[in-house]
N, C-alpha and C. Protein backbone atom coordinates (compact mmCIF):
# COMPACT_ATOMS: atom_id res chain seq x y z
N MET A 1 37.00 22.26 -4.68
CA MET A 1 36.37 21.08 -4.15
C MET A 1 34.87 21.17 -4.34
N ALA A 2 34.32 20.06 -4.65
CA ALA A 2 32.87 20.00 -4.84
C ALA A 2 32.19 19.95 -3.48
N ALA A 3 31.14 20.68 -3.40
CA ALA A 3 30.38 20.70 -2.15
C ALA A 3 29.60 19.40 -2.00
N ARG A 4 29.66 18.82 -0.82
CA ARG A 4 28.91 17.60 -0.56
C ARG A 4 27.46 17.92 -0.33
N LYS A 5 26.62 17.11 -0.94
CA LYS A 5 25.19 17.28 -0.71
C LYS A 5 24.84 16.53 0.57
N SER A 6 24.28 17.25 1.50
CA SER A 6 23.89 16.59 2.75
C SER A 6 22.42 16.21 2.68
N LYS A 7 22.12 15.11 3.29
CA LYS A 7 20.74 14.65 3.32
C LYS A 7 19.99 15.44 4.38
N PRO A 8 18.71 15.63 4.18
CA PRO A 8 17.95 16.40 5.16
C PRO A 8 17.94 15.69 6.52
N PRO A 9 17.85 16.45 7.58
CA PRO A 9 17.87 15.85 8.92
C PRO A 9 16.72 14.86 9.15
N ALA A 10 15.60 15.09 8.53
CA ALA A 10 14.47 14.18 8.72
C ALA A 10 14.82 12.79 8.19
N TYR A 11 15.53 12.72 7.09
CA TYR A 11 15.93 11.42 6.55
C TYR A 11 16.89 10.71 7.51
N ARG A 12 17.82 11.47 8.07
CA ARG A 12 18.77 10.86 9.00
C ARG A 12 18.06 10.32 10.23
N ARG A 13 17.05 11.01 10.69
CA ARG A 13 16.30 10.51 11.85
C ARG A 13 15.48 9.29 11.50
N LEU A 14 14.89 9.27 10.31
CA LEU A 14 14.05 8.15 9.90
C LEU A 14 14.86 6.93 9.46
N LYS A 15 16.10 7.13 9.04
CA LYS A 15 16.90 6.04 8.52
C LYS A 15 17.06 4.92 9.54
N VAL A 16 17.22 5.25 10.79
CA VAL A 16 17.37 4.25 11.84
C VAL A 16 16.12 3.38 11.92
N TYR A 17 14.96 4.02 11.90
CA TYR A 17 13.71 3.29 12.04
C TYR A 17 13.38 2.48 10.79
N ILE A 18 13.71 3.01 9.63
CA ILE A 18 13.47 2.27 8.39
C ILE A 18 14.34 1.03 8.34
N THR A 19 15.61 1.17 8.70
CA THR A 19 16.52 0.03 8.73
C THR A 19 16.04 -1.01 9.74
N ALA A 20 15.60 -0.56 10.90
CA ALA A 20 15.11 -1.48 11.92
C ALA A 20 13.84 -2.18 11.46
N ALA A 21 12.95 -1.47 10.78
CA ALA A 21 11.72 -2.09 10.29
C ALA A 21 12.02 -3.13 9.22
N VAL A 22 13.00 -2.87 8.37
CA VAL A 22 13.39 -3.85 7.36
C VAL A 22 13.98 -5.09 8.02
N ALA A 23 14.81 -4.89 9.04
CA ALA A 23 15.36 -6.03 9.78
C ALA A 23 14.24 -6.83 10.45
N GLY A 24 13.24 -6.14 10.99
CA GLY A 24 12.10 -6.82 11.58
C GLY A 24 11.30 -7.60 10.56
N ALA A 25 11.16 -7.04 9.36
CA ALA A 25 10.43 -7.74 8.30
C ALA A 25 11.16 -9.01 7.86
N ILE A 26 12.48 -8.93 7.80
CA ILE A 26 13.26 -10.11 7.44
C ILE A 26 13.13 -11.18 8.52
N ALA A 27 13.20 -10.76 9.78
CA ALA A 27 13.07 -11.72 10.88
C ALA A 27 11.67 -12.33 10.91
N ALA A 28 10.65 -11.52 10.67
CA ALA A 28 9.28 -12.03 10.65
C ALA A 28 9.08 -13.02 9.51
N GLY A 29 9.65 -12.71 8.36
CA GLY A 29 9.55 -13.62 7.22
C GLY A 29 10.24 -14.94 7.50
N ALA A 30 11.41 -14.89 8.12
CA ALA A 30 12.14 -16.12 8.46
C ALA A 30 11.36 -16.94 9.49
N ALA A 31 10.80 -16.26 10.49
CA ALA A 31 10.00 -16.97 11.50
C ALA A 31 8.75 -17.57 10.88
N LEU A 32 8.11 -16.85 9.98
CA LEU A 32 6.91 -17.36 9.32
C LEU A 32 7.24 -18.59 8.48
N LEU A 33 8.36 -18.55 7.79
CA LEU A 33 8.79 -19.71 7.01
C LEU A 33 9.08 -20.91 7.91
N LEU A 34 9.75 -20.66 9.03
CA LEU A 34 10.04 -21.73 9.98
C LEU A 34 8.76 -22.35 10.53
N PHE A 35 7.80 -21.52 10.89
CA PHE A 35 6.55 -22.03 11.44
C PHE A 35 5.73 -22.77 10.39
N ALA A 36 5.78 -22.29 9.16
CA ALA A 36 5.06 -23.00 8.08
C ALA A 36 5.67 -24.38 7.86
N LEU A 37 6.99 -24.46 7.91
CA LEU A 37 7.64 -25.76 7.78
C LEU A 37 7.30 -26.68 8.96
N MET A 38 7.21 -26.09 10.15
CA MET A 38 6.81 -26.89 11.32
C MET A 38 5.41 -27.46 11.15
N ILE A 39 4.50 -26.63 10.68
CA ILE A 39 3.13 -27.08 10.48
C ILE A 39 3.09 -28.19 9.43
N PHE A 40 3.87 -28.03 8.37
CA PHE A 40 3.87 -29.01 7.29
C PHE A 40 4.50 -30.33 7.72
N PHE A 41 5.71 -30.28 8.27
CA PHE A 41 6.43 -31.50 8.57
C PHE A 41 5.94 -32.20 9.84
N LEU A 42 5.48 -31.43 10.82
CA LEU A 42 4.98 -32.05 12.05
C LEU A 42 3.49 -32.37 11.97
N LYS A 43 2.89 -32.05 10.84
CA LYS A 43 1.47 -32.30 10.58
C LYS A 43 0.57 -31.72 11.68
N LEU A 44 0.90 -30.48 12.05
CA LEU A 44 0.09 -29.77 13.04
C LEU A 44 -1.19 -29.29 12.37
N PRO A 45 -2.27 -29.12 13.14
CA PRO A 45 -3.50 -28.62 12.53
C PRO A 45 -3.31 -27.21 11.97
N VAL A 46 -3.97 -26.93 10.88
CA VAL A 46 -3.86 -25.62 10.24
C VAL A 46 -4.45 -24.53 11.13
N SER A 47 -5.30 -24.89 12.06
CA SER A 47 -5.88 -23.91 12.96
C SER A 47 -4.82 -23.24 13.84
N HIS A 48 -3.66 -23.85 13.96
CA HIS A 48 -2.56 -23.25 14.73
C HIS A 48 -1.86 -22.14 13.96
N SER A 49 -2.15 -22.00 12.69
CA SER A 49 -1.43 -21.04 11.86
C SER A 49 -1.65 -19.59 12.30
N ARG A 50 -2.82 -19.27 12.83
CA ARG A 50 -3.06 -17.89 13.29
C ARG A 50 -2.15 -17.55 14.46
N PHE A 51 -1.99 -18.50 15.38
CA PHE A 51 -1.09 -18.29 16.52
C PHE A 51 0.35 -18.11 16.03
N PHE A 52 0.79 -18.97 15.12
CA PHE A 52 2.14 -18.87 14.60
C PHE A 52 2.35 -17.58 13.81
N SER A 53 1.31 -17.12 13.14
CA SER A 53 1.39 -15.86 12.40
C SER A 53 1.60 -14.68 13.36
N LEU A 54 0.84 -14.65 14.44
CA LEU A 54 1.01 -13.59 15.44
C LEU A 54 2.36 -13.70 16.13
N LEU A 55 2.83 -14.92 16.35
CA LEU A 55 4.13 -15.11 16.97
C LEU A 55 5.25 -14.60 16.07
N SER A 56 5.15 -14.85 14.78
CA SER A 56 6.17 -14.33 13.86
C SER A 56 6.08 -12.82 13.73
N PHE A 57 4.88 -12.27 13.80
CA PHE A 57 4.71 -10.82 13.79
C PHE A 57 5.36 -10.20 15.03
N GLY A 58 5.14 -10.82 16.19
CA GLY A 58 5.77 -10.35 17.43
C GLY A 58 7.28 -10.44 17.36
N THR A 59 7.79 -11.50 16.74
CA THR A 59 9.23 -11.65 16.56
C THR A 59 9.79 -10.51 15.70
N GLY A 60 9.08 -10.17 14.64
CA GLY A 60 9.50 -9.06 13.79
C GLY A 60 9.52 -7.74 14.54
N CYS A 61 8.51 -7.50 15.35
CA CYS A 61 8.46 -6.26 16.14
C CYS A 61 9.57 -6.22 17.18
N LEU A 62 9.85 -7.38 17.79
CA LEU A 62 10.93 -7.47 18.79
C LEU A 62 12.28 -7.17 18.13
N VAL A 63 12.52 -7.74 16.97
CA VAL A 63 13.79 -7.50 16.26
C VAL A 63 13.88 -6.05 15.79
N ALA A 64 12.79 -5.50 15.31
CA ALA A 64 12.80 -4.09 14.88
C ALA A 64 13.12 -3.18 16.06
N GLY A 65 12.50 -3.43 17.20
CA GLY A 65 12.79 -2.64 18.39
C GLY A 65 14.21 -2.81 18.86
N PHE A 66 14.72 -4.03 18.79
CA PHE A 66 16.10 -4.30 19.20
C PHE A 66 17.09 -3.53 18.33
N PHE A 67 16.89 -3.58 17.01
CA PHE A 67 17.80 -2.88 16.11
C PHE A 67 17.75 -1.37 16.32
N ALA A 68 16.57 -0.83 16.54
CA ALA A 68 16.47 0.62 16.76
C ALA A 68 17.13 1.01 18.09
N GLY A 69 16.88 0.24 19.12
CA GLY A 69 17.51 0.53 20.41
C GLY A 69 19.01 0.37 20.38
N ARG A 70 19.47 -0.66 19.67
CA ARG A 70 20.91 -0.91 19.56
C ARG A 70 21.61 0.19 18.78
N THR A 71 20.95 0.71 17.74
CA THR A 71 21.56 1.75 16.92
C THR A 71 21.57 3.10 17.64
N LYS A 72 20.46 3.46 18.25
CA LYS A 72 20.36 4.78 18.88
C LYS A 72 21.06 4.83 20.24
N ARG A 73 21.09 3.70 20.96
CA ARG A 73 21.74 3.57 22.27
C ARG A 73 21.14 4.47 23.34
N ARG A 74 19.93 4.95 23.14
CA ARG A 74 19.23 5.72 24.17
C ARG A 74 17.75 5.71 23.83
N GLY A 75 16.92 5.92 24.84
CA GLY A 75 15.48 5.95 24.62
C GLY A 75 14.95 4.64 24.07
N GLY A 76 15.29 3.55 24.70
CA GLY A 76 14.96 2.22 24.19
C GLY A 76 13.48 1.97 24.00
N ILE A 77 12.68 2.37 24.96
CA ILE A 77 11.24 2.12 24.85
C ILE A 77 10.65 2.90 23.67
N GLY A 78 10.95 4.18 23.59
CA GLY A 78 10.43 5.00 22.50
C GLY A 78 10.95 4.58 21.15
N SER A 79 12.25 4.31 21.07
CA SER A 79 12.84 3.89 19.79
C SER A 79 12.26 2.56 19.33
N GLY A 80 12.11 1.64 20.27
CA GLY A 80 11.56 0.33 19.93
C GLY A 80 10.12 0.41 19.45
N ILE A 81 9.33 1.22 20.12
CA ILE A 81 7.93 1.37 19.74
C ILE A 81 7.82 2.03 18.36
N LYS A 82 8.62 3.05 18.11
CA LYS A 82 8.57 3.71 16.80
C LYS A 82 8.94 2.75 15.67
N ALA A 83 9.99 1.96 15.88
CA ALA A 83 10.42 1.02 14.83
C ALA A 83 9.37 -0.06 14.62
N ALA A 84 8.80 -0.56 15.72
CA ALA A 84 7.78 -1.61 15.60
C ALA A 84 6.51 -1.08 14.93
N LEU A 85 6.14 0.14 15.23
CA LEU A 85 4.95 0.72 14.58
C LEU A 85 5.21 0.99 13.10
N LEU A 86 6.44 1.36 12.76
CA LEU A 86 6.77 1.53 11.34
C LEU A 86 6.72 0.19 10.62
N PHE A 87 7.12 -0.88 11.30
CA PHE A 87 7.01 -2.23 10.74
C PHE A 87 5.54 -2.65 10.64
N THR A 88 4.72 -2.22 11.59
CA THR A 88 3.32 -2.63 11.66
C THR A 88 2.46 -1.92 10.63
N LEU A 89 2.80 -0.70 10.27
CA LEU A 89 1.97 0.09 9.36
C LEU A 89 1.65 -0.63 8.06
N PRO A 90 2.62 -1.15 7.32
CA PRO A 90 2.26 -1.86 6.09
C PRO A 90 1.47 -3.14 6.34
N VAL A 91 1.75 -3.80 7.47
CA VAL A 91 1.03 -5.04 7.79
C VAL A 91 -0.46 -4.75 8.00
N VAL A 92 -0.76 -3.72 8.76
CA VAL A 92 -2.16 -3.37 9.03
C VAL A 92 -2.85 -2.85 7.77
N LEU A 93 -2.14 -2.03 6.99
CA LEU A 93 -2.74 -1.52 5.75
C LEU A 93 -3.04 -2.65 4.77
N LEU A 94 -2.12 -3.60 4.65
CA LEU A 94 -2.38 -4.75 3.79
C LEU A 94 -3.52 -5.60 4.34
N GLY A 95 -3.61 -5.71 5.66
CA GLY A 95 -4.70 -6.46 6.26
C GLY A 95 -6.05 -5.83 5.94
N PHE A 96 -6.13 -4.50 5.99
CA PHE A 96 -7.39 -3.84 5.66
C PHE A 96 -7.67 -3.91 4.16
N THR A 97 -6.62 -3.80 3.34
CA THR A 97 -6.80 -3.80 1.89
C THR A 97 -7.17 -5.18 1.36
N LEU A 98 -6.41 -6.17 1.75
CA LEU A 98 -6.64 -7.52 1.25
C LEU A 98 -7.70 -8.28 2.04
N GLY A 99 -8.01 -7.80 3.19
CA GLY A 99 -8.97 -8.48 4.05
C GLY A 99 -8.24 -9.33 5.07
N ASP A 100 -8.68 -9.24 6.30
CA ASP A 100 -8.07 -10.01 7.37
C ASP A 100 -8.70 -11.38 7.35
N PHE A 101 -7.94 -12.39 7.01
CA PHE A 101 -8.49 -13.71 6.83
C PHE A 101 -8.93 -14.34 8.15
N SER A 102 -8.37 -13.88 9.26
CA SER A 102 -8.79 -14.43 10.55
C SER A 102 -10.19 -13.94 10.93
N ALA A 103 -10.64 -12.85 10.33
CA ALA A 103 -11.95 -12.32 10.65
C ALA A 103 -13.05 -12.91 9.77
N SER A 104 -12.67 -13.75 8.82
CA SER A 104 -13.69 -14.32 7.94
C SER A 104 -14.50 -15.37 8.69
N PRO A 105 -15.76 -15.54 8.32
CA PRO A 105 -16.61 -16.51 9.02
C PRO A 105 -16.17 -17.93 8.72
N PRO A 106 -16.54 -18.89 9.56
CA PRO A 106 -16.18 -20.27 9.31
C PRO A 106 -16.82 -20.78 8.02
N ILE A 107 -16.26 -21.85 7.49
CA ILE A 107 -16.77 -22.44 6.24
C ILE A 107 -18.20 -22.89 6.46
N GLY A 108 -19.07 -22.52 5.55
CA GLY A 108 -20.49 -22.88 5.64
C GLY A 108 -21.34 -21.82 6.32
N ALA A 109 -20.70 -20.83 6.93
CA ALA A 109 -21.46 -19.79 7.64
C ALA A 109 -21.42 -18.46 6.91
N GLU A 110 -21.05 -18.47 5.63
CA GLU A 110 -20.91 -17.22 4.90
C GLU A 110 -22.23 -16.47 4.80
N GLU A 111 -23.31 -17.20 4.63
CA GLU A 111 -24.59 -16.50 4.45
C GLU A 111 -25.15 -15.93 5.74
N THR A 112 -24.67 -16.40 6.89
CA THR A 112 -25.20 -15.90 8.16
C THR A 112 -24.39 -14.74 8.72
N ALA A 113 -23.18 -14.58 8.27
CA ALA A 113 -22.34 -13.51 8.80
C ALA A 113 -22.71 -12.19 8.15
N SER A 114 -22.78 -11.17 8.97
CA SER A 114 -23.07 -9.85 8.44
C SER A 114 -21.77 -9.14 8.11
N ALA A 115 -21.85 -8.16 7.25
CA ALA A 115 -20.65 -7.39 6.87
C ALA A 115 -20.11 -6.63 8.06
N ALA A 116 -20.97 -6.22 8.99
CA ALA A 116 -20.51 -5.47 10.15
C ALA A 116 -19.66 -6.33 11.07
N SER A 117 -20.01 -7.60 11.21
CA SER A 117 -19.23 -8.45 12.10
C SER A 117 -17.86 -8.74 11.51
N VAL A 118 -17.76 -8.88 10.22
CA VAL A 118 -16.46 -9.10 9.60
C VAL A 118 -15.61 -7.85 9.72
N GLY A 119 -16.20 -6.67 9.54
CA GLY A 119 -15.47 -5.42 9.69
C GLY A 119 -14.99 -5.22 11.12
N THR A 120 -15.80 -5.59 12.09
CA THR A 120 -15.40 -5.50 13.49
C THR A 120 -14.25 -6.44 13.77
N GLY A 121 -14.29 -7.62 13.18
CA GLY A 121 -13.20 -8.58 13.37
C GLY A 121 -11.89 -8.06 12.81
N ALA A 122 -11.94 -7.39 11.67
CA ALA A 122 -10.73 -6.84 11.07
C ALA A 122 -10.17 -5.72 11.94
N GLY A 123 -11.04 -4.89 12.50
CA GLY A 123 -10.59 -3.82 13.40
C GLY A 123 -9.99 -4.37 14.68
N LEU A 124 -10.59 -5.44 15.20
CA LEU A 124 -10.07 -6.08 16.40
C LEU A 124 -8.72 -6.73 16.14
N ALA A 125 -8.56 -7.33 14.97
CA ALA A 125 -7.27 -7.93 14.60
C ALA A 125 -6.20 -6.84 14.49
N ALA A 126 -6.55 -5.68 13.94
CA ALA A 126 -5.59 -4.58 13.84
C ALA A 126 -5.21 -4.06 15.22
N LEU A 127 -6.19 -3.99 16.12
CA LEU A 127 -5.91 -3.55 17.49
C LEU A 127 -4.99 -4.54 18.19
N ASN A 128 -5.22 -5.84 17.99
CA ASN A 128 -4.34 -6.85 18.57
C ASN A 128 -2.91 -6.70 18.05
N LYS A 129 -2.77 -6.44 16.77
CA LYS A 129 -1.44 -6.27 16.19
C LYS A 129 -0.76 -5.01 16.74
N LEU A 130 -1.52 -3.96 16.94
CA LEU A 130 -0.93 -2.74 17.51
C LEU A 130 -0.46 -2.96 18.94
N ILE A 131 -1.24 -3.71 19.73
CA ILE A 131 -0.84 -4.00 21.11
C ILE A 131 0.43 -4.85 21.12
N ILE A 132 0.46 -5.88 20.27
CA ILE A 132 1.66 -6.72 20.17
C ILE A 132 2.85 -5.89 19.73
N ALA A 133 2.66 -4.99 18.77
CA ALA A 133 3.76 -4.17 18.27
C ALA A 133 4.31 -3.27 19.37
N VAL A 134 3.45 -2.65 20.13
CA VAL A 134 3.92 -1.74 21.19
C VAL A 134 4.68 -2.51 22.26
N LEU A 135 4.14 -3.64 22.70
CA LEU A 135 4.80 -4.39 23.77
C LEU A 135 6.12 -5.01 23.31
N CYS A 136 6.10 -5.66 22.16
CA CYS A 136 7.32 -6.31 21.66
C CYS A 136 8.36 -5.27 21.23
N GLY A 137 7.93 -4.18 20.63
CA GLY A 137 8.86 -3.14 20.23
C GLY A 137 9.53 -2.49 21.43
N ALA A 138 8.77 -2.24 22.49
CA ALA A 138 9.34 -1.65 23.70
C ALA A 138 10.34 -2.61 24.35
N ALA A 139 9.98 -3.90 24.41
CA ALA A 139 10.90 -4.90 24.99
C ALA A 139 12.17 -5.02 24.16
N GLY A 140 12.03 -5.03 22.84
CA GLY A 140 13.21 -5.11 21.98
C GLY A 140 14.07 -3.87 22.09
N GLY A 141 13.46 -2.70 22.19
CA GLY A 141 14.22 -1.46 22.32
C GLY A 141 15.02 -1.42 23.60
N VAL A 142 14.42 -1.85 24.70
CA VAL A 142 15.14 -1.88 25.98
C VAL A 142 16.28 -2.89 25.92
N ALA A 143 16.02 -4.06 25.32
CA ALA A 143 17.08 -5.06 25.20
C ALA A 143 18.21 -4.55 24.31
N GLY A 144 17.88 -3.83 23.25
CA GLY A 144 18.90 -3.30 22.36
C GLY A 144 19.77 -2.24 23.02
N VAL A 145 19.16 -1.37 23.80
CA VAL A 145 19.93 -0.34 24.48
C VAL A 145 20.84 -0.97 25.54
N ASN A 146 20.38 -1.98 26.22
CA ASN A 146 21.13 -2.59 27.31
C ASN A 146 22.10 -3.67 26.85
N LYS A 147 22.09 -4.00 25.56
CA LYS A 147 23.02 -5.02 25.05
C LYS A 147 24.43 -4.46 25.09
N ASP A 148 25.34 -5.22 25.65
CA ASP A 148 26.72 -4.74 25.75
C ASP A 148 27.64 -5.55 24.84
N GLY A 149 28.23 -4.88 23.89
CA GLY A 149 29.22 -5.48 23.00
C GLY A 149 28.71 -6.64 22.16
N GLY A 150 29.30 -6.84 21.03
CA GLY A 150 28.95 -7.96 20.16
C GLY A 150 27.53 -7.87 19.65
N PHE A 151 27.08 -8.97 19.08
CA PHE A 151 25.70 -9.01 18.60
C PHE A 151 25.01 -10.13 19.28
């Protein structure tokens, strides 16, 4: 008989969180698409898009935490936070790399804004996302652990 190759234990531990983060990304993408359609069809002001973006991000973190808590069935707060932070990592890195558009100065004020104020805005936006990720991930993890039967 051929010996089965076993995956390293670290992969098995991370697999739960990676799967949960992917589920959170799918949920966030679906929520973002729904909110974009709402803005388009209901002719809402574009200034509402930042709120809807954060709301879809929170939805993704909530779903990631729920999936991690539901899979592990213990340690809901910790599992949810870990999954949400794993989902948040690429979002924050892309925000720093591509530039956080919410931190950009208003139209016409480009020459008055200093580079330090834009950098501070990007850091503050990342901190806001981390706070949302921790709170929503913890709530989703607890809900996932306490969910009984079915989906």
